[in-house]
Amino acid sequence: MKEENKEVQGEMMKFCVKTIPAAKLVLCISDYSIYVGDLLDICFGRKTLSESVLKCNKNRTSKTNIFDEFTINDIMAHVMEKFQPISIGMFRAAIRQKLNTCHKSKQGNGK
């Protein structure tokens, strides 16, 4: 992970343009997939997660958000450093799992 991406400013941790309290990271559970989900919740929020995709294809609507690649890369580097050895595929699967859960939750609420 790049040194500027790993900045801890007092009690804050920086992921690209997102800065979150380091104390929130301590509260996250030690399983990497749950940790990824918690980080996504903190950085993007559930509403954004329920309307987002990791990559876009031509079948997606214009209402679909695509994640900021730099923020995702920073989160990936942090998670891969913290939970060695996990692969990029495992990280991406954890993101897809979180997005699917948020999307199903949104549909279940009828919103």
PDB file of N, CA and C in Angstrom:
ATOM      1  N   MET A   1       0.847  -1.167   0.000  1.00  0.00           N
ATOM      2  CA  MET A   1       0.000   0.000   0.000  1.00  0.00           C
ATOM      3  C   MET A   1       0.894   1.232   0.000  1.00  0.00           C
ATOM      4  N   LYS A   2       0.504   2.228  -0.801  1.00  0.00           N
ATOM      5  CA  LYS A   2       1.270   3.457  -0.863  1.00  0.00           C
ATOM      6  C   LYS A   2       1.253   4.149   0.487  1.00  0.00           C
ATOM      7  N   GLU A   3       2.331   4.834   0.793  1.00  0.00           N
ATOM      8  CA  GLU A   3       2.460   5.477   2.095  1.00  0.00           C
ATOM      9  C   GLU A   3       1.395   6.541   2.322  1.00  0.00           C
ATOM     10  N   GLU A   4       1.062   7.332   1.248  1.00  0.00           N
ATOM     11  CA  GLU A   4       0.055   8.373   1.436  1.00  0.00           C
ATOM     12  C   GLU A   4      -1.337   7.788   1.627  1.00  0.00           C
ATOM     13  N   ASN A   5      -1.601   6.580   1.140  1.00  0.00           N
ATOM     14  CA  ASN A   5      -2.893   5.932   1.326  1.00  0.00           C
ATOM     15  C   ASN A   5      -3.028   5.346   2.719  1.00  0.00           C
ATOM     16  N   LYS A   6      -1.922   5.140   3.377  1.00  0.00           N
ATOM     17  CA  LYS A   6      -1.906   4.496   4.682  1.00  0.00           C
ATOM     18  C   LYS A   6      -1.861   5.521   5.814  1.00  0.00           C
ATOM     19  N   GLU A   7      -1.994   6.792   5.445  1.00  0.00           N
ATOM     20  CA  GLU A   7      -1.889   7.851   6.445  1.00  0.00           C
ATOM     21  C   GLU A   7      -2.863   7.642   7.586  1.00  0.00           C
ATOM     22  N   VAL A   8      -2.363   7.768   8.762  1.00  0.00           N
ATOM     23  CA  VAL A   8      -3.236   7.822   9.923  1.00  0.00           C
ATOM     24  C   VAL A   8      -3.004   9.181  10.543  1.00  0.00           C
ATOM     25  N   GLN A   9      -4.031  10.022  10.462  1.00  0.00           N
ATOM     26  CA  GLN A   9      -3.906  11.384  10.957  1.00  0.00           C
ATOM     27  C   GLN A   9      -4.590  11.450  12.308  1.00  0.00           C
ATOM     28  N   GLY A  10      -3.811  11.328  13.367  1.00  0.00           N
ATOM     29  CA  GLY A  10      -4.395  11.302  14.695  1.00  0.00           C
ATOM     30  C   GLY A  10      -5.253  10.066  14.843  1.00  0.00           C
ATOM     31  N   GLU A  11      -6.542  10.261  14.799  1.00  0.00           N
ATOM     32  CA  GLU A  11      -7.497   9.172  14.949  1.00  0.00           C
ATOM     33  C   GLU A  11      -8.205   8.856  13.637  1.00  0.00           C
ATOM     34  N   MET A  12      -7.639   9.267  12.486  1.00  0.00           N
ATOM     35  CA  MET A  12      -8.305   9.089  11.199  1.00  0.00           C
ATOM     36  C   MET A  12      -7.477   8.208  10.269  1.00  0.00           C
ATOM     37  N   MET A  13      -8.158   7.411   9.415  1.00  0.00           N
ATOM     38  CA  MET A  13      -7.521   6.574   8.408  1.00  0.00           C
ATOM     39  C   MET A  13      -8.035   7.041   7.053  1.00  0.00           C
ATOM     40  N   LYS A  14      -7.137   7.214   6.085  1.00  0.00           N
ATOM     41  CA  LYS A  14      -7.516   7.770   4.798  1.00  0.00           C
ATOM     42  C   LYS A  14      -7.541   6.688   3.728  1.00  0.00           C
ATOM     43  N   PHE A  15      -8.653   6.607   2.985  1.00  0.00           N
ATOM     44  CA  PHE A  15      -8.811   5.732   1.831  1.00  0.00           C
ATOM     45  C   PHE A  15      -9.146   6.621   0.650  1.00  0.00           C
ATOM     46  N   CYS A  16      -8.146   6.903  -0.171  1.00  0.00           N
ATOM     47  CA  CYS A  16      -8.270   7.813  -1.307  1.00  0.00           C
ATOM     48  C   CYS A  16      -8.812   9.149  -0.795  1.00  0.00           C
ATOM     49  N   VAL A  17     -10.006   9.543  -1.183  1.00  0.00           N
ATOM     50  CA  VAL A  17     -10.560  10.816  -0.713  1.00  0.00           C
ATOM     51  C   VAL A  17     -11.430  10.647   0.526  1.00  0.00           C
ATOM     52  N   LYS A  18     -11.694   9.417   0.920  1.00  0.00           N
ATOM     53  CA  LYS A  18     -12.512   9.135   2.102  1.00  0.00           C
ATOM     54  C   LYS A  18     -11.622   9.065   3.334  1.00  0.00           C
ATOM     55  N   THR A  19     -12.010   9.754   4.391  1.00  0.00           N
ATOM     56  CA  THR A  19     -11.296   9.708   5.659  1.00  0.00           C
ATOM     57  C   THR A  19     -12.279   9.242   6.715  1.00  0.00           C
ATOM     58  N   ILE A  20     -11.896   8.162   7.424  1.00  0.00           N
ATOM     59  CA  ILE A  20     -12.804   7.612   8.430  1.00  0.00           C
ATOM     60  C   ILE A  20     -12.068   7.474   9.752  1.00  0.00           C
ATOM     61  N   PRO A  21     -12.802   7.512  10.847  1.00  0.00           N
ATOM     62  CA  PRO A  21     -12.165   7.357  12.159  1.00  0.00           C
ATOM     63  C   PRO A  21     -11.527   5.979  12.299  1.00  0.00           C
ATOM     64  N   ALA A  22     -10.280   5.946  12.743  1.00  0.00           N
ATOM     65  CA  ALA A  22      -9.570   4.680  12.937  1.00  0.00           C
ATOM     66  C   ALA A  22     -10.273   3.822  13.981  1.00  0.00           C
ATOM     67  N   ALA A  23     -10.971   4.447  14.916  1.00  0.00           N
ATOM     68  CA  ALA A  23     -11.693   3.703  15.954  1.00  0.00           C
ATOM     69  C   ALA A  23     -12.776   2.820  15.354  1.00  0.00           C
ATOM     70  N   LYS A  24     -13.381   3.236  14.234  1.00  0.00           N
ATOM     71  CA  LYS A  24     -14.403   2.415  13.580  1.00  0.00           C
ATOM     72  C   LYS A  24     -13.784   1.137  13.016  1.00  0.00           C
ATOM     73  N   LEU A  25     -12.533   1.206  12.573  1.00  0.00           N
ATOM     74  CA  LEU A  25     -11.869   0.021  12.037  1.00  0.00           C
ATOM     75  C   LEU A  25     -11.609  -1.008  13.125  1.00  0.00           C
ATOM     76  N   VAL A  26     -11.376  -0.544  14.334  1.00  0.00           N
ATOM     77  CA  VAL A  26     -11.125  -1.444  15.461  1.00  0.00           C
ATOM     78  C   VAL A  26     -12.394  -2.215  15.799  1.00  0.00           C
ATOM     79  N   LEU A  27     -13.549  -1.603  15.589  1.00  0.00           N
ATOM     80  CA  LEU A  27     -14.813  -2.241  15.919  1.00  0.00           C
ATOM     81  C   LEU A  27     -15.213  -3.329  14.922  1.00  0.00           C
ATOM     82  N   CYS A  28     -14.604  -3.332  13.735  1.00  0.00           N
ATOM     83  CA  CYS A  28     -14.944  -4.312  12.716  1.00  0.00           C
ATOM     84  C   CYS A  28     -14.499  -5.714  13.142  1.00  0.00           C
ATOM     85  N   ILE A  29     -15.310  -6.705  12.787  1.00  0.00           N
ATOM     86  CA  ILE A  29     -15.024  -8.097  13.132  1.00  0.00           C
ATOM     87  C   ILE A  29     -13.796  -8.578  12.366  1.00  0.00           C
ATOM     88  N   SER A  30     -13.105  -9.581  12.902  1.00  0.00           N
ATOM     89  CA  SER A  30     -11.824 -10.005  12.346  1.00  0.00           C
ATOM     90  C   SER A  30     -11.924 -10.863  11.084  1.00  0.00           C
ATOM     91  N   ASP A  31     -13.118 -11.316  10.662  1.00  0.00           N
ATOM     92  CA  ASP A  31     -13.263 -12.063   9.418  1.00  0.00           C
ATOM     93  C   ASP A  31     -13.143 -11.089   8.247  1.00  0.00           C
ATOM     94  N   TYR A  32     -12.328 -11.418   7.258  1.00  0.00           N
ATOM     95  CA  TYR A  32     -12.051 -10.458   6.190  1.00  0.00           C
ATOM     96  C   TYR A  32     -13.310 -10.065   5.406  1.00  0.00           C
ATOM     97  N   SER A  33     -14.217 -10.990   5.142  1.00  0.00           N
ATOM     98  CA  SER A  33     -15.397 -10.647   4.348  1.00  0.00           C
ATOM     99  C   SER A  33     -16.327  -9.700   5.120  1.00  0.00           C
ATOM    100  N   ILE A  34     -16.455  -9.903   6.409  1.00  0.00           N
ATOM    101  CA  ILE A  34     -17.264  -8.995   7.228  1.00  0.00           C
ATOM    102  C   ILE A  34     -16.562  -7.648   7.350  1.00  0.00           C
ATOM    103  N   TYR A  35     -15.243  -7.680   7.464  1.00  0.00           N
ATOM    104  CA  TYR A  35     -14.449  -6.457   7.544  1.00  0.00           C
ATOM    105  C   TYR A  35     -14.619  -5.629   6.269  1.00  0.00           C
ATOM    106  N   VAL A  36     -14.574  -6.293   5.112  1.00  0.00           N
ATOM    107  CA  VAL A  36     -14.773  -5.596   3.834  1.00  0.00           C
ATOM    108  C   VAL A  36     -16.161  -4.962   3.804  1.00  0.00           C
ATOM    109  N   GLY A  37     -17.175  -5.725   4.207  1.00  0.00           N
ATOM    110  CA  GLY A  37     -18.534  -5.195   4.236  1.00  0.00           C
ATOM    111  C   GLY A  37     -18.673  -4.001   5.155  1.00  0.00           C
ATOM    112  N   ASP A  38     -18.062  -4.082   6.326  1.00  0.00           N
ATOM    113  CA  ASP A  38     -18.114  -2.960   7.272  1.00  0.00           C
ATOM    114  C   ASP A  38     -17.414  -1.722   6.705  1.00  0.00           C
ATOM    115  N   LEU A  39     -16.265  -1.929   6.067  1.00  0.00           N
ATOM    116  CA  LEU A  39     -15.553  -0.797   5.459  1.00  0.00           C
ATOM    117  C   LEU A  39     -16.384  -0.155   4.349  1.00  0.00           C
ATOM    118  N   LEU A  40     -17.023  -0.985   3.529  1.00  0.00           N
ATOM    119  CA  LEU A  40     -17.867  -0.444   2.468  1.00  0.00           C
ATOM    120  C   LEU A  40     -19.024   0.361   3.053  1.00  0.00           C
ATOM    121  N   ASP A  41     -19.634  -0.154   4.120  1.00  0.00           N
ATOM    122  CA  ASP A  41     -20.706   0.587   4.798  1.00  0.00           C
ATOM    123  C   ASP A  41     -20.215   1.946   5.280  1.00  0.00           C
ATOM    124  N   ILE A  42     -19.049   1.963   5.896  1.00  0.00           N
ATOM    125  CA  ILE A  42     -18.493   3.196   6.448  1.00  0.00           C
ATOM    126  C   ILE A  42     -18.151   4.184   5.334  1.00  0.00           C
ATOM    127  N   CYS A  43     -17.509   3.699   4.276  1.00  0.00           N
ATOM    128  CA  CYS A  43     -17.040   4.590   3.215  1.00  0.00           C
ATOM    129  C   CYS A  43     -18.152   5.069   2.271  1.00  0.00           C
ATOM    130  N   PHE A  44     -19.120   4.199   1.975  1.00  0.00           N
ATOM    131  CA  PHE A  44     -20.099   4.535   0.955  1.00  0.00           C
ATOM    132  C   PHE A  44     -21.532   4.676   1.471  1.00  0.00           C
ATOM    133  N   GLY A  45     -21.898   3.970   2.532  1.00  0.00           N
ATOM    134  CA  GLY A  45     -23.267   4.001   3.026  1.00  0.00           C
ATOM    135  C   GLY A  45     -24.139   2.963   2.328  1.00  0.00           C
ATOM    136  N   ARG A  46     -25.168   2.494   3.026  1.00  0.00           N
ATOM    137  CA  ARG A  46     -26.014   1.412   2.494  1.00  0.00           C
ATOM    138  C   ARG A  46     -26.789   1.807   1.255  1.00  0.00           C
ATOM    139  N   LYS A  47     -27.283   3.042   1.216  1.00  0.00           N
ATOM    140  CA  LYS A  47     -28.059   3.474   0.047  1.00  0.00           C
ATOM    141  C   LYS A  47     -27.198   3.409  -1.210  1.00  0.00           C
ATOM    142  N   THR A  48     -25.993   3.918  -1.130  1.00  0.00           N
ATOM    143  CA  THR A  48     -25.085   3.875  -2.270  1.00  0.00           C
ATOM    144  C   THR A  48     -24.747   2.432  -2.628  1.00  0.00           C
ATOM    145  N   LEU A  49     -24.504   1.591  -1.621  1.00  0.00           N
ATOM    146  CA  LEU A  49     -24.171   0.190  -1.888  1.00  0.00           C
ATOM    147  C   LEU A  49     -25.317  -0.526  -2.602  1.00  0.00           C
ATOM    148  N   SER A  50     -26.549  -0.222  -2.237  1.00  0.00           N
ATOM    149  CA  SER A  50     -27.692  -0.902  -2.842  1.00  0.00           C
ATOM    150  C   SER A  50     -27.890  -0.504  -4.298  1.00  0.00           C
ATOM    151  N   GLU A  51     -27.269   0.593  -4.722  1.00  0.00           N
ATOM    152  CA  GLU A  51     -27.417   1.088  -6.094  1.00  0.00           C
ATOM    153  C   GLU A  51     -26.118   1.005  -6.886  1.00  0.00           C
ATOM    154  N   SER A  52     -25.129   0.282  -6.372  1.00  0.00           N
ATOM    155  CA  SER A  52     -23.806   0.277  -6.997  1.00  0.00           C
ATOM    156  C   SER A  52     -23.408  -1.098  -7.519  1.00  0.00           C
ATOM    157  N   VAL A  53     -22.436  -1.064  -8.417  1.00  0.00           N
ATOM    158  CA  VAL A  53     -21.829  -2.282  -8.955  1.00  0.00           C
ATOM    159  C   VAL A  53     -20.318  -2.111  -8.924  1.00  0.00           C
ATOM    160  N   LEU A  54     -19.621  -3.234  -8.940  1.00  0.00           N
ATOM    161  CA  LEU A  54     -18.163  -3.191  -8.952  1.00  0.00           C
ATOM    162  C   LEU A  54     -17.640  -2.795 -10.325  1.00  0.00           C
ATOM    163  N   LYS A  55     -18.229  -3.384 -11.358  1.00  0.00           N
ATOM    164  CA  LYS A  55     -17.899  -3.042 -12.743  1.00  0.00           C
ATOM    165  C   LYS A  55     -19.194  -2.911 -13.507  1.00  0.00           C
ATOM    166  N   CYS A  56     -19.187  -2.104 -14.540  1.00  0.00           N
ATOM    167  CA  CYS A  56     -20.399  -1.874 -15.309  1.00  0.00           C
ATOM    168  C   CYS A  56     -20.326  -2.622 -16.639  1.00  0.00           C
ATOM    169  N   ASN A  57     -21.471  -3.155 -17.063  1.00  0.00           N
ATOM    170  CA  ASN A  57     -21.551  -3.716 -18.403  1.00  0.00           C
ATOM    171  C   ASN A  57     -22.688  -3.025 -19.140  1.00  0.00           C
ATOM    172  N   LYS A  58     -22.891  -3.360 -20.390  1.00  0.00           N
ATOM    173  CA  LYS A  58     -23.867  -2.630 -21.198  1.00  0.00           C
ATOM    174  C   LYS A  58     -25.319  -2.867 -20.792  1.00  0.00           C
ATOM    175  N   ASN A  59     -25.598  -3.851 -19.949  1.00  0.00           N
ATOM    176  CA  ASN A  59     -26.963  -4.129 -19.515  1.00  0.00           C
ATOM    177  C   ASN A  59     -27.393  -3.280 -18.321  1.00  0.00           C
ATOM    178  N   ARG A  60     -26.505  -2.527 -17.717  1.00  0.00           N
ATOM    179  CA  ARG A  60     -26.816  -1.730 -16.524  1.00  0.00           C
ATOM    180  C   ARG A  60     -27.574  -0.463 -16.902  1.00  0.00           C
ATOM    181  N   THR A  61     -28.395   0.004 -15.973  1.00  0.00           N
ATOM    182  CA  THR A  61     -29.146   1.238 -16.196  1.00  0.00           C
ATOM    183  C   THR A  61     -28.282   2.442 -15.835  1.00  0.00           C
ATOM    184  N   SER A  62     -28.741   3.602 -16.226  1.00  0.00           N
ATOM    185  CA  SER A  62     -27.993   4.828 -15.921  1.00  0.00           C
ATOM    186  C   SER A  62     -28.065   5.165 -14.432  1.00  0.00           C
ATOM    187  N   LYS A  63     -29.015   4.553 -13.685  1.00  0.00           N
ATOM    188  CA  LYS A  63     -29.137   4.816 -12.253  1.00  0.00           C
ATOM    189  C   LYS A  63     -28.102   4.040 -11.439  1.00  0.00           C
ATOM    190  N   THR A  64     -27.393   3.134 -12.078  1.00  0.00           N
ATOM    191  CA  THR A  64     -26.413   2.312 -11.379  1.00  0.00           C
ATOM    192  C   THR A  64     -25.124   3.091 -11.172  1.00  0.00           C
ATOM    193  N   ASN A  65     -24.616   3.079  -9.931  1.00  0.00           N
ATOM    194  CA  ASN A  65     -23.338   3.727  -9.603  1.00  0.00           C
ATOM    195  C   ASN A  65     -22.214   2.732  -9.776  1.00  0.00           C
ATOM    196  N   ILE A  66     -21.089   3.207 -10.247  1.00  0.00           N
ATOM    197  CA  ILE A  66     -19.884   2.387 -10.311  1.00  0.00           C
ATOM    198  C   ILE A  66     -18.945   2.933  -9.243  1.00  0.00           C
ATOM    199  N   PHE A  67     -18.376   2.030  -8.448  1.00  0.00           N
ATOM    200  CA  PHE A  67     -17.488   2.456  -7.372  1.00  0.00           C
ATOM    201  C   PHE A  67     -16.274   3.205  -7.896  1.00  0.00           C
ATOM    202  N   ASP A  68     -15.818   4.162  -7.091  1.00  0.00           N
ATOM    203  CA  ASP A  68     -14.579   4.867  -7.369  1.00  0.00           C
ATOM    204  C   ASP A  68     -13.427   3.866  -7.273  1.00  0.00           C
ATOM    205  N   GLU A  69     -12.739   3.677  -8.369  1.00  0.00           N
ATOM    206  CA  GLU A  69     -11.680   2.668  -8.460  1.00  0.00           C
ATOM    207  C   GLU A  69     -10.548   2.914  -7.465  1.00  0.00           C
ATOM    208  N   PHE A  70     -10.205   4.160  -7.239  1.00  0.00           N
ATOM    209  CA  PHE A  70      -9.096   4.481  -6.338  1.00  0.00           C
ATOM    210  C   PHE A  70      -9.442   4.143  -4.884  1.00  0.00           C
ATOM    211  N   THR A  71     -10.680   4.436  -4.479  1.00  0.00           N
ATOM    212  CA  THR A  71     -11.106   4.098  -3.117  1.00  0.00           C
ATOM    213  C   THR A  71     -11.129   2.592  -2.932  1.00  0.00           C
ATOM    214  N   ILE A  72     -11.664   1.863  -3.913  1.00  0.00           N
ATOM    215  CA  ILE A  72     -11.707   0.400  -3.842  1.00  0.00           C
ATOM    216  C   ILE A  72     -10.296  -0.163  -3.779  1.00  0.00           C
ATOM    217  N   ASN A  73      -9.376   0.378  -4.561  1.00  0.00           N
ATOM    218  CA  ASN A  73      -7.980  -0.095  -4.533  1.00  0.00           C
ATOM    219  C   ASN A  73      -7.328   0.155  -3.172  1.00  0.00           C
ATOM    220  N   ASP A  74      -7.606   1.300  -2.562  1.00  0.00           N
ATOM    221  CA  ASP A  74      -7.067   1.597  -1.233  1.00  0.00           C
ATOM    222  C   ASP A  74      -7.629   0.636  -0.188  1.00  0.00           C
ATOM    223  N   ILE A  75      -8.941   0.386  -0.263  1.00  0.00           N
ATOM    224  CA  ILE A  75      -9.561  -0.554   0.670  1.00  0.00           C
ATOM    225  C   ILE A  75      -8.976  -1.942   0.463  1.00  0.00           C
ATOM    226  N   MET A  76      -8.817  -2.348  -0.801  1.00  0.00           N
ATOM    227  CA  MET A  76      -8.264  -3.663  -1.107  1.00  0.00           C
ATOM    228  C   MET A  76      -6.848  -3.808  -0.547  1.00  0.00           C
ATOM    229  N   ALA A  77      -6.023  -2.805  -0.734  1.00  0.00           N
ATOM    230  CA  ALA A  77      -4.647  -2.862  -0.228  1.00  0.00           C
ATOM    231  C   ALA A  77      -4.647  -2.972   1.295  1.00  0.00           C
ATOM    232  N   HIS A  78      -5.503  -2.215   1.952  1.00  0.00           N
ATOM    233  CA  HIS A  78      -5.590  -2.257   3.415  1.00  0.00           C
ATOM    234  C   HIS A  78      -6.033  -3.636   3.901  1.00  0.00           C
ATOM    235  N   VAL A  79      -7.083  -4.175   3.279  1.00  0.00           N
ATOM    236  CA  VAL A  79      -7.620  -5.477   3.693  1.00  0.00           C
ATOM    237  C   VAL A  79      -6.616  -6.594   3.415  1.00  0.00           C
ATOM    238  N   MET A  80      -5.962  -6.547   2.256  1.00  0.00           N
ATOM    239  CA  MET A  80      -4.998  -7.596   1.911  1.00  0.00           C
ATOM    240  C   MET A  80      -3.778  -7.553   2.828  1.00  0.00           C
ATOM    241  N   GLU A  81      -3.433  -6.367   3.306  1.00  0.00           N
ATOM    242  CA  GLU A  81      -2.320  -6.251   4.253  1.00  0.00           C
ATOM    243  C   GLU A  81      -2.725  -6.767   5.632  1.00  0.00           C
ATOM    244  N   LYS A  82      -3.948  -6.470   6.043  1.00  0.00           N
ATOM    245  CA  LYS A  82      -4.427  -6.851   7.364  1.00  0.00           C
ATOM    246  C   LYS A  82      -4.731  -8.345   7.463  1.00  0.00           C
ATOM    247  N   PHE A  83      -5.277  -8.938   6.405  1.00  0.00           N
ATOM    248  CA  PHE A  83      -5.698 -10.339   6.419  1.00  0.00           C
ATOM    249  C   PHE A  83      -4.893 -11.156   5.413  1.00  0.00           C
ATOM    250  N   GLN A  84      -3.614 -11.282   5.619  1.00  0.00           N
ATOM    251  CA  GLN A  84      -2.785 -12.078   4.721  1.00  0.00           C
ATOM    252  C   GLN A  84      -2.994 -13.545   5.003  1.00  0.00           C
ATOM    253  N   PRO A  85      -2.995 -14.432   4.079  1.00  0.00           N
ATOM    254  CA  PRO A  85      -2.984 -14.196   2.638  1.00  0.00           C
ATOM    255  C   PRO A  85      -4.401 -14.305   2.072  1.00  0.00           C
ATOM    256  N   ILE A  86      -4.940 -13.236   1.540  1.00  0.00           N
ATOM    257  CA  ILE A  86      -6.181 -13.324   0.773  1.00  0.00           C
ATOM    258  C   ILE A  86      -5.878 -12.806  -0.630  1.00  0.00           C
ATOM    259  N   SER A  87      -6.619 -13.303  -1.596  1.00  0.00           N
ATOM    260  CA  SER A  87      -6.373 -12.933  -2.989  1.00  0.00           C
ATOM    261  C   SER A  87      -7.313 -11.804  -3.414  1.00  0.00           C
ATOM    262  N   ILE A  88      -7.021 -11.249  -4.570  1.00  0.00           N
ATOM    263  CA  ILE A  88      -7.879 -10.215  -5.140  1.00  0.00           C
ATOM    264  C   ILE A  88      -9.267 -10.797  -5.403  1.00  0.00           C
ATOM    265  N   GLY A  89      -9.307 -12.041  -5.867  1.00  0.00           N
ATOM    266  CA  GLY A  89     -10.582 -12.704  -6.124  1.00  0.00           C
ATOM    267  C   GLY A  89     -11.423 -12.847  -4.866  1.00  0.00           C
ATOM    268  N   MET A  90     -10.793 -13.170  -3.751  1.00  0.00           N
ATOM    269  CA  MET A  90     -11.509 -13.285  -2.479  1.00  0.00           C
ATOM    270  C   MET A  90     -12.039 -11.919  -2.047  1.00  0.00           C
ATOM    271  N   PHE A  91     -11.242 -10.884  -2.242  1.00  0.00           N
ATOM    272  CA  PHE A  91     -11.663  -9.522  -1.903  1.00  0.00           C
ATOM    273  C   PHE A  91     -12.859  -9.106  -2.752  1.00  0.00           C
ATOM    274  N   ARG A  92     -12.769  -9.331  -4.062  1.00  0.00           N
ATOM    275  CA  ARG A  92     -13.853  -8.957  -4.964  1.00  0.00           C
ATOM    276  C   ARG A  92     -15.126  -9.752  -4.660  1.00  0.00           C
ATOM    277  N   ALA A  93     -14.981 -11.010  -4.279  1.00  0.00           N
ATOM    278  CA  ALA A  93     -16.139 -11.830  -3.900  1.00  0.00           C
ATOM    279  C   ALA A  93     -16.819 -11.258  -2.658  1.00  0.00           C
ATOM    280  N   ALA A  94     -16.031 -10.773  -1.705  1.00  0.00           N
ATOM    281  CA  ALA A  94     -16.595 -10.157  -0.494  1.00  0.00           C
ATOM    282  C   ALA A  94     -17.366  -8.885  -0.849  1.00  0.00           C
ATOM    283  N   ILE A  95     -16.863  -8.111  -1.801  1.00  0.00           N
ATOM    284  CA  ILE A  95     -17.576  -6.908  -2.251  1.00  0.00           C
ATOM    285  C   ILE A  95     -18.889  -7.308  -2.916  1.00  0.00           C
ATOM    286  N   ARG A  96     -18.837  -8.289  -3.818  1.00  0.00           N
ATOM    287  CA  ARG A  96     -20.058  -8.730  -4.502  1.00  0.00           C
ATOM    288  C   ARG A  96     -21.099  -9.242  -3.505  1.00  0.00           C
ATOM    289  N   GLN A  97     -20.638  -9.974  -2.495  1.00  0.00           N
ATOM    290  CA  GLN A  97     -21.545 -10.490  -1.475  1.00  0.00           C
ATOM    291  C   GLN A  97     -22.241  -9.337  -0.747  1.00  0.00           C
ATOM    292  N   LYS A  98     -21.495  -8.312  -0.380  1.00  0.00           N
ATOM    293  CA  LYS A  98     -22.056  -7.156   0.316  1.00  0.00           C
ATOM    294  C   LYS A  98     -23.046  -6.411  -0.582  1.00  0.00           C
ATOM    295  N   LEU A  99     -22.683  -6.214  -1.849  1.00  0.00           N
ATOM    296  CA  LEU A  99     -23.570  -5.518  -2.777  1.00  0.00           C
ATOM    297  C   LEU A  99     -24.866  -6.298  -2.994  1.00  0.00           C
ATOM    298  N   ASN A 100     -24.764  -7.611  -3.129  1.00  0.00           N
ATOM    299  CA  ASN A 100     -25.953  -8.447  -3.299  1.00  0.00           C
ATOM    300  C   ASN A 100     -26.865  -8.354  -2.082  1.00  0.00           C
ATOM    301  N   THR A 101     -26.272  -8.393  -0.895  1.00  0.00           N
ATOM    302  CA  THR A 101     -27.052  -8.291   0.338  1.00  0.00           C
ATOM    303  C   THR A 101     -27.780  -6.953   0.414  1.00  0.00           C
ATOM    304  N   CYS A 102     -27.082  -5.874   0.119  1.00  0.00           N
ATOM    305  CA  CYS A 102     -27.705  -4.538   0.161  1.00  0.00           C
ATOM    306  C   CYS A 102     -28.783  -4.399  -0.901  1.00  0.00           C
ATOM    307  N   HIS A 103     -28.543  -4.936  -2.083  1.00  0.00           N
ATOM    308  CA  HIS A 103     -29.519  -4.846  -3.163  1.00  0.00           C
ATOM    309  C   HIS A 103     -30.784  -5.631  -2.808  1.00  0.00           C
ATOM    310  N   LYS A 104     -30.623  -6.841  -2.263  1.00  0.00           N
ATOM    311  CA  LYS A 104     -31.775  -7.666  -1.860  1.00  0.00           C
ATOM    312  C   LYS A 104     -32.538  -6.996  -0.721  1.00  0.00           C
ATOM    313  N   SER A 105     -31.807  -6.388   0.185  1.00  0.00           N
ATOM    314  CA  SER A 105     -32.435  -5.697   1.318  1.00  0.00           C
ATOM    315  C   SER A 105     -33.279  -4.528   0.808  1.00  0.00           C
ATOM    316  N   LYS A 106     -32.775  -3.802  -0.162  1.00  0.00           N
ATOM    317  CA  LYS A 106     -33.512  -2.672  -0.737  1.00  0.00           C
ATOM    318  C   LYS A 106     -34.770  -3.165  -1.438  1.00  0.00           C
ATOM    319  N   GLN A 107     -34.668  -4.261  -2.196  1.00  0.00           N
ATOM    320  CA  GLN A 107     -35.831  -4.811  -2.888  1.00  0.00           C
ATOM    321  C   GLN A 107     -36.864  -5.330  -1.902  1.00  0.00           C
ATOM    322  N   GLY A 108     -36.384  -5.942  -0.810  1.00  0.00           N
ATOM    323  CA  GLY A 108     -37.284  -6.475   0.203  1.00  0.00           C
ATOM    324  C   GLY A 108     -38.071  -5.390   0.919  1.00  0.00           C
ATOM    325  N   ASN A 109     -37.484  -4.203   1.004  1.00  0.00           N
ATOM    326  CA  ASN A 109     -38.152  -3.082   1.673  1.00  0.00           C
ATOM    327  C   ASN A 109     -39.111  -2.350   0.731  1.00  0.00           C
ATOM    328  N   GLY A 110     -39.084  -2.740  -0.558  1.00  0.00           N
ATOM    329  CA  GLY A 110     -39.981  -2.127  -1.529  1.00  0.00           C
ATOM    330  C   GLY A 110     -39.628  -0.712  -1.898  1.00  0.00           C
ATOM    331  N   LYS A 111     -38.366  -0.362  -1.763  1.00  0.00           N
ATOM    332  CA  LYS A 111     -37.940   1.007  -2.073  1.00  0.00           C
ATOM    333  C   LYS A 111     -37.299   1.087  -3.430  1.00  0.00           C
TER     334      LYS A 111
END
